[in-house]
Amino acid sequence: MVQAYILIQTEVGRAEAVARAIAELPGITAAEDVTGPYDVIVRAEAADVDELGRLVVAQVQRVEGITRTLTCPVVHLA
């Protein structure tokens, strides 16, 4: 299982709608609108890195109102 945080920038005023839409996607465990340089932070899970990539590119990035994403896979160092 691969987990990742997806940091999302949205069009002005679209953070809440983007977070709501992404929260409904399979593989998304949390989607919160936040303040700061990013507007939405998402936690996602997938079977492997390829599936995670497909989730981000084929589903998350297609949500209307998103201008940029940054995917940060979780690593377990211990």
Protein backbone atom coordinates (compact mmCIF):
# COMPACT_ATOMS: atom_id res chain seq x y z
CA MET A 1 0.00 0.00 0.00
CA VAL A 2 1.30 3.44 -0.98
CA GLN A 3 0.06 6.54 0.80
CA ALA A 4 0.60 10.14 -0.23
CA TYR A 5 -0.37 13.70 0.52
CA ILE A 6 -1.48 15.73 -2.47
CA LEU A 7 -1.05 19.48 -2.09
CA ILE A 8 -3.42 21.41 -4.33
CA GLN A 9 -3.66 24.98 -5.51
CA THR A 10 -7.06 26.09 -6.78
CA GLU A 11 -8.65 29.00 -8.55
CA VAL A 12 -9.64 31.76 -6.13
CA GLY A 13 -12.76 30.82 -4.16
CA ARG A 14 -12.81 27.18 -5.31
CA ALA A 15 -11.05 25.40 -2.40
CA GLU A 16 -14.20 24.19 -0.64
CA ALA A 17 -15.80 22.83 -3.82
CA VAL A 18 -12.55 21.14 -4.90
CA ALA A 19 -12.10 19.48 -1.48
CA ARG A 20 -15.70 18.23 -1.54
CA ALA A 21 -15.36 16.79 -5.05
CA ILE A 22 -12.04 15.08 -4.33
CA ALA A 23 -13.30 13.59 -1.06
CA GLU A 24 -15.77 11.50 -3.11
CA LEU A 25 -13.08 9.84 -5.25
CA PRO A 26 -12.07 6.23 -4.51
CA GLY A 27 -8.67 6.04 -2.85
CA ILE A 28 -9.03 9.38 -1.08
CA THR A 29 -9.03 9.07 2.71
CA ALA A 30 -9.19 12.80 3.56
CA ALA A 31 -9.55 16.12 1.76
CA GLU A 32 -9.35 19.39 3.68
CA ASP A 33 -9.37 22.99 2.55
CA VAL A 34 -6.57 24.90 4.30
CA THR A 35 -4.86 28.30 4.31
CA GLY A 36 -1.33 29.02 3.14
CA PRO A 37 0.45 28.40 -0.16
CA TYR A 38 -1.86 25.46 -0.89
CA ASP A 39 -5.65 25.55 -0.79
CA VAL A 40 -6.47 21.85 -0.32
CA ILE A 41 -4.49 19.00 1.22
CA VAL A 42 -5.54 15.45 0.37
CA ARG A 43 -4.47 12.09 1.79
CA ALA A 44 -4.63 9.23 -0.72
CA GLU A 45 -3.98 5.49 -0.72
CA ALA A 46 -3.24 3.16 -3.63
CA ALA A 47 -1.97 -0.38 -4.13
CA ASP A 48 1.28 0.82 -5.75
CA VAL A 49 2.99 3.89 -7.19
CA ASP A 50 1.52 3.35 -10.65
CA GLU A 51 -2.02 3.24 -9.27
CA LEU A 52 -1.29 6.36 -7.24
CA GLY A 53 -0.13 8.12 -10.40
CA ARG A 54 -3.29 7.13 -12.23
CA LEU A 55 -5.41 8.39 -9.31
CA VAL A 56 -3.69 11.78 -9.38
CA VAL A 57 -3.53 12.26 -13.15
CA ALA A 58 -6.78 10.62 -14.27
CA GLN A 59 -9.04 11.65 -11.41
CA VAL A 60 -7.73 14.32 -9.03
CA GLN A 61 -6.24 16.66 -11.66
CA ARG A 62 -9.46 16.53 -13.67
CA VAL A 63 -11.49 18.15 -10.88
CA GLU A 64 -12.59 21.58 -12.09
CA GLY A 65 -10.94 24.49 -10.32
CA ILE A 66 -7.51 22.92 -9.73
CA THR A 67 -4.53 24.88 -11.06
CA ARG A 68 -1.60 22.82 -9.68
CA THR A 69 -0.89 19.67 -7.67
CA LEU A 70 2.16 18.38 -5.81
CA THR A 71 2.15 14.71 -4.78
CA CYS A 72 4.22 13.75 -1.71
CA PRO A 73 4.44 9.98 -1.14
CA VAL A 74 4.72 8.89 2.49
CA VAL A 75 7.97 7.11 3.35
CA HIS A 76 8.59 4.88 6.35
CA LEU A 77 12.21 5.34 7.45
CA ALA A 78 12.17 3.00 10.43
